[in-house]
């Protein structure tokens, strides 16, 4: 009944669709009398709405978005948010489309979306270098955004008066964590779901946990004992050389299937900060400590135990191999990201969804991070001269997404369709509400965000000496970036 009610609520939320509006040549909008096409009243009082001044005239403006590769492209990390142009049988795509259509009708604008071949922003960079005003808003990866912002290719979002970065549809952790010198060049929130699909999670095989009398992870969650030590202990109790040939490969059973970026996400989840910000809103490197070394030792003792863990990155295997091992009941734990939940509907054995483990029981909260290689971040190209309009449109997209797109993904896609128990639904809420954006991991100065992944794939143990080699370059690159940010004009 709960799932039926959730489906009905989502269906009602995404049902409103207004009449289409006209395109134009893309001229800068002016103030004046505005009558929004459709003329309907706002949804019920609980709906979110952007604060657009009465009388603001959008004049059918063509708002151009530089997005990710097209949904029908061969790219796995494609645009999930802006490129749908008609209703479809897919509820999530339909919600994204209706969100766009509602904003078009409410604001009297028209969206046009460009889908590049990759998501790193190369095509966007070319238009900025030639000052060819092609796009009003851009969507590129966090590391791509970091690189462009340091070269003055993106607008400081805090300098756009019409953009309400304190609104509930913007992720306030992102706003706080990724600013430098009180300037912010990338942001995310309800406006898109692409970044959520990259959040690190742990899946577990409930049938295996029962068969091998392994502790219930949900009980540990309830008792605040879902920690690294308990996670490792449970993983070690599930492995087996199934064919008794004395070697472990993809035909055997493991306690954990993982990818190398588990180590960085595991550290962040335990409260380690690659970079912390000072009171002046400037970054400083704070990675190495006794706690960091302890977390490293705990995790690598598990990761390097090839009779317990299978790493598809270390074995240069496609992720599909690890996926098959999990659905075939040959892995107790499966480290992945939220997007993996959507692929497990065919799995016969029940599975659960877990947050990343805490360091110990004294840790007050969970921490989760996006994938800086592929997550989508929203930015504004530096040649944009229509910043007032851009701010209003971004807020309108964010507000309408909070009404339509977020419920479709969080409640329908993840909970109703993806999860199989109430505890998983609780885990989903925990994960989505405990995001942190570590600037060192995301900006990756001097490979500080990447070097632990390389060490894990190589099976290296000595963290301290490897970090020492990275630290000097990381600090040099970070200081240079800060110098650049301090020089950037507030647009």
Protein backbone atom coordinates (compact mmCIF):
# COMPACT_ATOMS: atom_id res chain seq x y z
CA UNK A 1 0.00 0.00 0.00
CA UNK A 2 2.86 2.38 0.83
CA UNK A 3 4.41 1.85 -2.60
CA UNK A 4 1.04 2.35 -4.32
CA UNK A 5 0.54 5.60 -2.44
CA UNK A 6 4.07 6.72 -3.40
CA UNK A 7 3.34 5.99 -7.06
CA UNK A 8 0.07 7.93 -6.89
CA UNK A 9 1.76 10.90 -5.22
CA UNK A 10 4.48 11.03 -7.85
CA UNK A 11 1.93 10.67 -10.63
CA UNK A 12 -0.08 13.57 -9.23
CA UNK A 13 3.07 15.66 -8.79
CA UNK A 14 4.19 15.28 -12.38
CA UNK A 15 0.71 15.58 -13.91
CA UNK A 16 0.61 19.34 -14.48
CA UNK A 17 1.58 20.37 -18.00
CA UNK A 18 0.82 23.72 -19.59
CA UNK A 19 0.63 24.98 -23.19
CA UNK A 20 3.79 25.48 -25.26
CA UNK A 21 5.34 28.91 -25.83
CA UNK A 22 7.13 30.52 -28.73
CA UNK A 23 10.83 30.74 -29.59
CA UNK A 24 12.63 33.91 -30.62
CA UNK A 25 16.03 35.15 -31.74
CA UNK A 26 17.54 35.07 -28.25
CA UNK A 27 17.64 38.81 -27.55
CA UNK A 28 18.26 40.08 -24.06
CA UNK A 29 14.93 40.30 -22.16
CA UNK A 30 13.62 43.61 -20.92
CA UNK A 31 11.33 44.67 -18.12
CA UNK A 32 7.66 45.20 -18.81
CA UNK A 33 4.25 43.60 -18.72
CA UNK A 34 4.35 39.81 -18.52
CA UNK A 35 1.49 37.38 -18.92
CA UNK A 36 2.74 33.82 -18.54
CA UNK A 37 1.47 31.46 -21.22
CA UNK A 38 -1.09 29.03 -19.84
CA UNK A 39 -2.46 31.46 -17.28
CA UNK A 40 -3.09 28.75 -14.70
CA UNK A 41 -2.78 29.16 -10.97
CA UNK A 42 0.20 27.84 -9.04
CA UNK A 43 0.00 24.27 -7.67
CA UNK A 44 -1.07 23.72 -4.08
CA UNK A 45 0.46 25.94 -1.42
CA UNK A 46 3.12 23.39 -0.50
CA UNK A 47 4.70 23.61 -3.97
CA UNK A 48 8.05 25.35 -4.38
CA UNK A 49 8.27 28.41 -6.62
CA UNK A 50 11.11 30.70 -7.65
CA UNK A 51 10.85 34.34 -6.65
CA UNK A 52 10.40 35.92 -10.10
CA UNK A 53 9.47 39.62 -9.86
CA UNK A 54 6.01 40.54 -11.08
CA UNK A 55 6.21 42.19 -14.48
CA UNK A 56 9.51 40.63 -15.51
CA UNK A 57 9.33 40.00 -19.27
CA UNK A 58 11.18 37.00 -20.77
CA UNK A 59 9.94 37.80 -24.32
CA UNK A 60 10.07 34.17 -25.50
CA UNK A 61 13.82 34.03 -24.85
CA UNK A 62 15.70 31.00 -26.24
CA UNK A 63 17.57 29.68 -23.18
CA UNK A 64 20.47 27.55 -24.34
CA UNK A 65 21.88 24.72 -22.20
CA UNK A 66 25.19 22.96 -22.73
CA UNK A 67 24.37 19.51 -21.38
CA UNK A 68 25.83 16.01 -21.25
CA UNK A 69 25.79 13.63 -24.26
CA UNK A 70 22.32 12.81 -25.56
CA UNK A 71 20.26 10.12 -23.78
CA UNK A 72 20.29 7.97 -26.92
CA UNK A 73 24.09 8.16 -27.28
CA UNK A 74 26.45 5.32 -26.47
CA UNK A 75 27.80 7.22 -23.46
CA UNK A 76 26.84 5.68 -20.11
CA UNK A 77 27.08 9.08 -18.42
CA UNK A 78 24.62 10.96 -20.59
CA UNK A 79 22.10 13.71 -19.93
CA UNK A 80 19.38 12.54 -17.57
CA UNK A 81 17.88 15.98 -17.00
CA UNK A 82 17.43 18.42 -19.86
CA UNK A 83 17.24 16.68 -23.24
CA UNK A 84 13.80 15.06 -23.21
CA UNK A 85 11.50 16.75 -25.74
CA UNK A 86 8.27 14.78 -25.38
CA UNK A 87 6.32 12.60 -23.01
CA UNK A 88 7.35 8.97 -22.83
CA UNK A 89 6.58 5.71 -21.06
CA UNK A 90 9.55 6.23 -18.74
CA UNK A 91 8.35 8.00 -15.59
CA UNK A 92 11.69 9.62 -14.80
CA UNK A 93 12.25 10.95 -18.33
CA UNK A 94 8.65 12.11 -18.34
CA UNK A 95 9.18 14.02 -15.09
CA UNK A 96 12.29 15.71 -16.54
CA UNK A 97 10.36 16.68 -19.67
CA UNK A 98 7.35 18.04 -17.79
CA UNK A 99 9.61 20.02 -15.48
CA UNK A 100 11.19 21.72 -18.52
CA UNK A 101 7.80 22.31 -20.16
CA UNK A 102 6.31 23.82 -17.02
CA UNK A 103 9.21 26.26 -16.70
CA UNK A 104 8.92 27.21 -20.37
CA UNK A 105 5.24 27.98 -19.93
CA UNK A 106 5.59 29.76 -16.61
CA UNK A 107 8.42 32.00 -17.77
CA UNK A 108 7.49 32.39 -21.43
CA UNK A 109 10.83 31.04 -22.67
CA UNK A 110 12.01 28.19 -24.86
CA UNK A 111 14.81 25.76 -24.01
CA UNK A 112 17.30 24.47 -26.53
CA UNK A 113 19.83 21.84 -25.48
CA UNK A 114 23.21 21.00 -26.97
CA UNK A 115 24.54 17.50 -26.37
CA UNK A 116 28.34 17.23 -26.81
CA UNK A 117 30.13 13.94 -27.37
CA UNK A 118 31.73 14.03 -23.90
CA UNK A 119 30.94 15.58 -20.54
CA UNK A 120 34.26 17.28 -19.77
CA UNK A 121 33.37 20.65 -21.31
CA UNK A 122 35.83 20.76 -24.23
CA UNK A 123 33.25 22.15 -26.67
CA UNK A 124 32.12 24.69 -24.10
CA UNK A 125 35.71 25.83 -23.55
CA UNK A 126 36.14 26.50 -27.27
CA UNK A 127 33.10 28.77 -27.36
CA UNK A 128 34.38 30.70 -24.33
CA UNK A 129 37.86 31.09 -25.79
CA UNK A 130 36.37 32.62 -28.94
CA UNK A 131 33.81 34.62 -26.94
CA UNK A 132 31.07 33.07 -29.05
CA UNK A 133 27.98 33.37 -26.87
CA UNK A 134 26.48 29.94 -27.45
CA UNK A 135 25.12 28.89 -24.06
CA UNK A 136 23.44 30.48 -21.06
CA UNK A 137 23.96 27.57 -18.67
CA UNK A 138 26.42 24.68 -18.73
CA UNK A 139 26.58 21.17 -17.28
CA UNK A 140 30.01 19.57 -16.96
CA UNK A 141 31.88 17.35 -14.51
CA UNK A 142 33.19 18.69 -11.18
CA UNK A 143 36.81 18.38 -12.27
CA UNK A 144 36.00 19.96 -15.62
CA UNK A 145 34.24 22.80 -13.81
CA UNK A 146 37.20 23.23 -11.46
CA UNK A 147 39.63 23.51 -14.36
CA UNK A 148 37.51 26.06 -16.25
CA UNK A 149 36.79 28.17 -13.18
CA UNK A 150 40.47 28.56 -12.35
CA UNK A 151 41.01 30.03 -15.84
CA UNK A 152 38.19 32.59 -15.53
CA UNK A 153 35.94 30.67 -17.95
CA UNK A 154 32.96 30.52 -15.58
CA UNK A 155 30.86 33.13 -13.79
CA UNK A 156 30.98 33.46 -10.02
CA UNK A 157 27.45 32.31 -9.22
CA UNK A 158 27.39 34.42 -6.07
CA UNK A 159 27.69 37.51 -8.26
CA UNK A 160 24.29 36.85 -9.92
CA UNK A 161 21.82 38.85 -7.79
CA UNK A 162 18.78 37.10 -9.24
CA UNK A 163 20.10 33.65 -8.28
CA UNK A 164 18.96 32.63 -4.80
CA UNK A 165 21.68 30.21 -3.73
CA UNK A 166 20.10 29.98 -0.28
CA UNK A 167 16.90 28.51 -1.72
CA UNK A 168 15.96 24.96 -0.66
CA UNK A 169 16.40 23.57 -4.16
CA UNK A 170 20.16 24.18 -4.06
CA UNK A 171 22.35 21.76 -2.11
CA UNK A 172 23.60 23.95 0.73
CA UNK A 173 26.50 21.59 1.44
CA UNK A 174 27.68 22.16 -2.13
CA UNK A 175 27.27 25.94 -1.82
CA UNK A 176 29.29 25.92 1.40
CA UNK A 177 31.95 23.34 0.53
CA UNK A 178 32.95 24.42 -2.99
CA UNK A 179 33.34 28.16 -2.60
CA UNK A 180 36.77 29.78 -2.60
CA UNK A 181 37.26 33.34 -1.43
CA UNK A 182 33.44 33.44 -1.17
CA UNK A 183 33.18 32.76 -4.91
CA UNK A 184 31.29 29.78 -6.28
CA UNK A 185 31.61 28.46 -9.83
CA UNK A 186 29.62 25.21 -9.75
CA UNK A 187 26.52 24.10 -7.92
CA UNK A 188 23.99 21.32 -7.84
CA UNK A 189 20.73 20.43 -6.17
CA UNK A 190 17.20 19.54 -7.21
CA UNK A 191 17.78 21.05 -10.65
CA UNK A 192 19.25 17.71 -11.77
CA UNK A 193 19.49 14.06 -10.81
CA UNK A 194 22.66 13.17 -12.74
CA UNK A 195 24.93 13.84 -9.77
CA UNK A 196 22.85 11.67 -7.45
CA UNK A 197 23.44 8.64 -9.63
CA UNK A 198 27.18 8.90 -8.82
CA UNK A 199 26.91 8.86 -5.00
CA UNK A 200 28.89 6.00 -3.42
CA UNK A 201 26.83 3.30 -1.69
CA UNK A 202 27.14 -0.32 -0.57
CA UNK A 203 24.71 -3.04 -1.62
CA UNK A 204 24.43 -6.32 0.23
CA UNK A 205 23.01 -9.72 -0.64
CA UNK A 206 20.37 -10.47 2.00
CA UNK A 207 20.15 -14.14 1.02
CA UNK A 208 23.87 -14.67 1.55
CA UNK A 209 23.81 -12.81 4.85
CA UNK A 210 21.10 -15.16 6.06
CA UNK A 211 22.61 -18.35 4.61
CA UNK A 212 26.02 -17.76 6.17
CA UNK A 213 24.66 -16.39 9.46
CA UNK A 214 26.34 -13.03 9.01
CA UNK A 215 25.27 -10.11 11.17
CA UNK A 216 22.41 -8.06 9.83
CA UNK A 217 23.88 -4.75 8.60
CA UNK A 218 20.55 -3.03 9.28
CA UNK A 219 20.84 -3.95 12.94
CA UNK A 220 24.26 -2.30 12.99
CA UNK A 221 22.73 0.79 11.37
CA UNK A 222 20.01 0.89 14.04
CA UNK A 223 22.58 0.48 16.84
CA UNK A 224 25.07 2.99 15.40
CA UNK A 225 27.61 0.20 14.90
CA UNK A 226 27.77 0.25 11.11
CA UNK A 227 31.54 0.86 11.24
CA UNK A 228 34.60 -0.11 9.22
CA UNK A 229 35.55 -2.86 11.67
CA UNK A 230 32.14 -4.53 11.61
CA UNK A 231 31.91 -4.17 7.84
CA UNK A 232 35.30 -5.86 7.40
CA UNK A 233 34.43 -8.65 9.83
CA UNK A 234 31.22 -9.44 7.94
CA UNK A 235 32.97 -9.40 4.57
CA UNK A 236 35.62 -11.88 5.71
CA UNK A 237 32.98 -14.40 6.79
CA UNK A 238 31.38 -14.73 3.35
CA UNK A 239 34.26 -15.65 1.00
CA UNK A 240 34.85 -19.15 -0.36
CA UNK A 241 36.96 -20.94 -3.01
CA UNK A 242 33.93 -22.52 -4.65
CA UNK A 243 35.76 -24.91 -6.97
CA UNK A 244 38.52 -25.73 -4.45
CA UNK A 245 41.27 -25.07 -6.99
CA UNK A 246 43.37 -23.06 -4.53
CA UNK A 247 43.04 -19.76 -6.39
CA UNK A 248 40.49 -16.99 -6.39
CA UNK A 249 39.03 -15.51 -9.56
CA UNK A 250 35.66 -14.30 -10.84
CA UNK A 251 34.21 -17.82 -10.48
CA UNK A 252 34.51 -17.82 -6.67
CA UNK A 253 32.53 -16.17 -3.88
CA UNK A 254 33.68 -12.99 -2.17
CA UNK A 255 32.88 -10.83 0.79
CA UNK A 256 33.24 -7.66 -1.28
CA UNK A 257 33.31 -6.64 -4.94
CA UNK A 258 34.67 -3.13 -5.32
CA UNK A 259 36.28 -0.49 -7.49
CA UNK A 260 39.41 1.41 -6.46
CA UNK A 261 37.60 4.66 -5.63
CA UNK A 262 36.14 2.89 -2.58
CA UNK A 263 39.28 3.99 -0.72
CA UNK A 264 38.74 7.73 -1.25
CA UNK A 265 35.02 7.49 -0.56
CA UNK A 266 35.68 5.28 2.44
CA UNK A 267 38.06 7.86 3.90
CA UNK A 268 35.64 10.71 3.31
CA UNK A 269 32.85 8.61 4.86
CA UNK A 270 35.03 8.22 7.95
CA UNK A 271 35.45 11.96 8.36
CA UNK A 272 38.80 12.46 6.59
CA UNK A 273 39.09 15.74 4.70
CA UNK A 274 41.59 15.95 1.86
CA UNK A 275 41.17 19.72 2.05
CA UNK A 276 39.56 21.90 4.72
CA UNK A 277 38.69 25.57 4.41
CA UNK A 278 39.98 28.33 6.66
CA UNK A 279 37.92 31.10 8.19
CA UNK A 280 38.79 33.21 5.15
CA UNK A 281 37.12 30.64 2.88
CA UNK A 282 40.44 29.47 1.47
CA UNK A 283 41.50 25.81 1.17
CA UNK A 284 44.25 24.13 3.12
CA UNK A 285 45.44 20.51 2.87
CA UNK A 286 44.45 18.46 5.93
CA UNK A 287 44.61 14.91 4.60
CA UNK A 288 47.30 13.17 6.62
CA UNK A 289 46.73 12.28 10.29
CA UNK A 290 46.93 9.27 12.60
CA UNK A 291 43.24 8.67 11.89
CA UNK A 292 43.87 8.72 8.12
CA UNK A 293 46.64 6.15 8.52
CA UNK A 294 44.36 3.99 10.66
CA UNK A 295 41.56 4.06 8.08
CA UNK A 296 44.07 3.25 5.33
CA UNK A 297 45.42 0.25 7.24
CA UNK A 298 41.94 -1.09 7.97
CA UNK A 299 40.67 -0.83 4.42
CA UNK A 300 43.80 -2.04 2.65
CA UNK A 301 43.99 -5.08 4.94
CA UNK A 302 40.61 -5.97 3.44
CA UNK A 303 41.16 -4.81 -0.15
CA UNK A 304 44.47 -6.65 -0.53
CA UNK A 305 43.05 -9.92 0.78
CA UNK A 306 42.32 -11.47 -2.61
CA UNK A 307 40.57 -14.42 -0.97
CA UNK A 308 37.99 -12.01 0.44
CA UNK A 309 37.76 -9.16 -2.08
CA UNK A 310 37.46 -8.92 -5.83
CA UNK A 311 38.50 -5.61 -7.40
CA UNK A 312 37.33 -5.19 -10.96
CA UNK A 313 39.60 -2.18 -11.42
CA UNK A 314 42.72 -4.01 -10.19
CA UNK A 315 41.85 -6.99 -12.39
CA UNK A 316 41.12 -4.72 -15.37
CA UNK A 317 37.68 -6.25 -15.71
CA UNK A 318 34.49 -4.49 -16.81
CA UNK A 319 32.01 -3.56 -14.11
CA UNK A 320 29.57 -6.03 -15.61
CA UNK A 321 31.62 -8.93 -14.20
CA UNK A 322 31.25 -7.65 -10.64
CA UNK A 323 27.56 -6.99 -11.25
CA UNK A 324 27.00 -10.57 -12.44
CA UNK A 325 28.86 -11.97 -9.44
CA UNK A 326 26.55 -10.04 -7.14
CA UNK A 327 23.26 -11.09 -8.76
CA UNK A 328 24.56 -14.69 -8.95
CA UNK A 329 25.03 -14.72 -5.16
CA UNK A 330 28.83 -14.70 -5.25
CA UNK A 331 29.41 -11.43 -3.41
CA UNK A 332 28.03 -10.42 -0.03
CA UNK A 333 28.83 -6.71 -0.44
CA UNK A 334 28.90 -4.81 -3.71
CA UNK A 335 30.41 -1.32 -3.67
CA UNK A 336 28.98 0.90 -6.39
CA UNK A 337 26.91 4.05 -6.88
CA UNK A 338 23.20 4.81 -6.87
CA UNK A 339 22.90 4.13 -10.59
CA UNK A 340 23.55 0.44 -9.84
CA UNK A 341 20.26 0.16 -7.93
CA UNK A 342 18.33 0.71 -11.15
CA UNK A 343 19.99 -2.32 -12.77
CA UNK A 344 19.16 -4.80 -10.01
CA UNK A 345 15.43 -5.20 -10.57
CA UNK A 346 16.01 -8.55 -12.26
CA UNK A 347 17.95 -9.89 -9.26
CA UNK A 348 16.03 -12.82 -7.73
CA UNK A 349 17.70 -12.69 -4.32
CA UNK A 350 16.71 -9.74 -2.16
CA UNK A 351 19.35 -7.09 -1.65
CA UNK A 352 19.72 -4.18 0.72
CA UNK A 353 21.12 -0.66 0.37
CA UNK A 354 23.59 0.67 2.92
CA UNK A 355 25.42 3.93 3.60
CA UNK A 356 29.20 3.97 3.62
CA UNK A 357 30.50 2.80 7.03
CA UNK A 358 31.46 5.21 9.78
CA UNK A 359 34.95 5.16 11.27
CA UNK A 360 33.70 4.17 14.72
CA UNK A 361 30.69 4.52 16.99
CA UNK A 362 31.73 7.98 18.17
CA UNK A 363 31.33 9.43 14.67
CA UNK A 364 28.28 11.65 14.85
CA UNK A 365 27.07 11.45 11.23
CA UNK A 366 27.53 9.73 7.89
CA UNK A 367 29.33 11.32 4.95
CA UNK A 368 28.85 10.60 1.25
CA UNK A 369 30.46 12.05 -1.83
CA UNK A 370 29.73 12.30 -5.54
CA UNK A 371 32.03 10.91 -8.23
CA UNK A 372 34.17 13.88 -9.37
CA UNK A 373 34.90 12.24 -12.72
CA UNK A 374 31.33 11.99 -13.97
CA UNK A 375 28.86 13.83 -11.70
CA UNK A 376 27.01 16.71 -13.32
CA UNK A 377 27.52 20.24 -12.00
CA UNK A 378 25.73 23.41 -13.06
CA UNK A 379 27.74 26.47 -14.10
CA UNK A 380 27.44 29.63 -16.19
CA UNK A 381 29.91 30.46 -19.02
CA UNK A 382 31.80 33.72 -18.57
CA UNK A 383 30.48 35.29 -21.79
CA UNK A 384 26.90 35.28 -20.50
CA UNK A 385 25.53 38.84 -20.63
CA UNK A 386 22.01 37.82 -19.59
CA UNK A 387 22.89 36.98 -16.01
CA UNK A 388 19.71 38.37 -14.47
CA UNK A 389 17.53 36.17 -16.65
CA UNK A 390 19.88 33.20 -16.17
CA UNK A 391 19.57 33.41 -12.41
CA UNK A 392 15.78 33.46 -12.57
CA UNK A 393 15.68 30.52 -14.99
CA UNK A 394 18.07 28.45 -12.88
CA UNK A 395 15.96 29.07 -9.78
CA UNK A 396 12.77 28.27 -11.68
CA UNK A 397 14.28 25.00 -12.89
CA UNK A 398 15.43 24.18 -9.37
CA UNK A 399 12.06 24.92 -7.78
CA UNK A 400 10.06 23.00 -10.38
CA UNK A 401 12.51 20.12 -10.12
CA UNK A 402 11.93 19.99 -6.37
CA UNK A 403 8.22 19.69 -7.14
CA UNK A 404 8.51 17.14 -9.95
CA UNK A 405 11.93 15.65 -10.71
CA UNK A 406 13.23 15.02 -7.19
CA UNK A 407 10.12 13.07 -6.08
CA UNK A 408 10.24 11.06 -9.31
CA UNK A 409 13.85 10.02 -8.65
CA UNK A 410 14.02 9.77 -4.85
CA UNK A 411 10.60 8.30 -4.15
CA UNK A 412 9.71 6.46 -7.33
CA UNK A 413 12.99 5.45 -8.96
CA UNK A 414 15.07 4.70 -5.86
CA UNK A 415 12.58 3.77 -3.16
CA UNK A 416 9.46 2.40 -4.88
CA UNK A 417 11.15 0.72 -7.84
CA UNK A 418 14.68 0.21 -6.55
CA UNK A 419 14.58 -0.73 -2.88
CA UNK A 420 13.06 -3.91 -1.46
CA UNK A 421 12.63 -3.08 2.20
CA UNK A 422 11.90 -0.21 4.55
CA UNK A 423 15.46 -0.18 5.87
CA UNK A 424 16.79 0.47 2.37
CA UNK A 425 14.44 3.41 2.06
CA UNK A 426 15.83 4.76 5.34
CA UNK A 427 19.36 4.25 4.00
CA UNK A 428 18.49 6.18 0.84
CA UNK A 429 17.34 9.14 2.94
CA UNK A 430 20.52 8.98 5.04
CA UNK A 431 22.75 8.90 1.97
CA UNK A 432 20.99 11.72 0.12
CA UNK A 433 20.99 13.91 3.25
CA UNK A 434 24.65 13.48 4.18
CA UNK A 435 26.47 14.70 1.10
CA UNK A 436 29.80 16.45 1.47
CA UNK A 437 31.92 17.98 -1.27
CA UNK A 438 35.60 17.60 -0.43
CA UNK A 439 37.44 20.21 -2.44
CA UNK A 440 40.68 18.22 -2.52
CA UNK A 441 38.97 15.11 -3.87
CA UNK A 442 36.99 17.12 -6.41
CA UNK A 443 39.62 19.62 -7.61
CA UNK A 444 42.40 16.98 -7.43
CA UNK A 445 45.30 19.43 -7.11
CA UNK A 446 48.55 17.51 -7.64
CA UNK A 447 46.53 14.26 -7.84
CA UNK A 448 45.71 14.48 -4.14
CA UNK A 449 42.23 13.22 -4.87
CA UNK A 450 43.41 10.42 -7.14
CA UNK A 451 46.62 9.02 -5.67
CA UNK A 452 44.97 6.69 -3.13
CA UNK A 453 43.02 5.04 -5.97
CA UNK A 454 46.25 4.42 -7.86
CA UNK A 455 47.88 2.92 -4.76
CA UNK A 456 44.99 0.53 -4.15
CA UNK A 457 45.00 -0.73 -7.73
CA UNK A 458 48.76 -1.27 -7.47
CA UNK A 459 48.43 -3.04 -4.11
CA UNK A 460 50.83 -0.65 -2.40
CA UNK A 461 50.85 -0.37 1.38
CA UNK A 462 52.96 2.66 2.30
CA UNK A 463 50.58 5.60 2.35
CA UNK A 464 52.89 8.07 4.10
CA UNK A 465 55.74 8.00 1.59
CA UNK A 466 53.34 8.13 -1.35
CA UNK A 467 51.49 11.07 0.16
CA UNK A 468 54.76 12.90 0.82
CA UNK A 469 55.52 12.74 -2.90
CA UNK A 470 52.08 14.16 -3.73
CA UNK A 471 51.78 16.82 -1.03
CA UNK A 472 54.31 19.33 -2.37
CA UNK A 473 52.82 19.40 -5.87
CA UNK A 474 49.29 19.46 -4.49
CA UNK A 475 50.03 22.47 -2.30
CA UNK A 476 51.78 24.27 -5.16
CA UNK A 477 48.84 23.74 -7.52
CA UNK A 478 46.31 24.63 -4.84
CA UNK A 479 48.15 27.85 -3.94
CA UNK A 480 48.31 28.80 -7.62
CA UNK A 481 44.58 28.17 -7.97
CA UNK A 482 43.86 30.30 -4.92
CA UNK A 483 46.02 33.07 -6.38
CA UNK A 484 43.96 32.90 -9.56
CA UNK A 485 40.67 33.00 -7.68
CA UNK A 486 41.78 36.00 -5.63
CA UNK A 487 42.49 37.86 -8.87
CA UNK A 488 39.20 37.01 -10.55
CA UNK A 489 36.85 39.94 -10.84
CA UNK A 490 33.41 39.65 -9.30
CA UNK A 491 31.23 39.86 -12.38
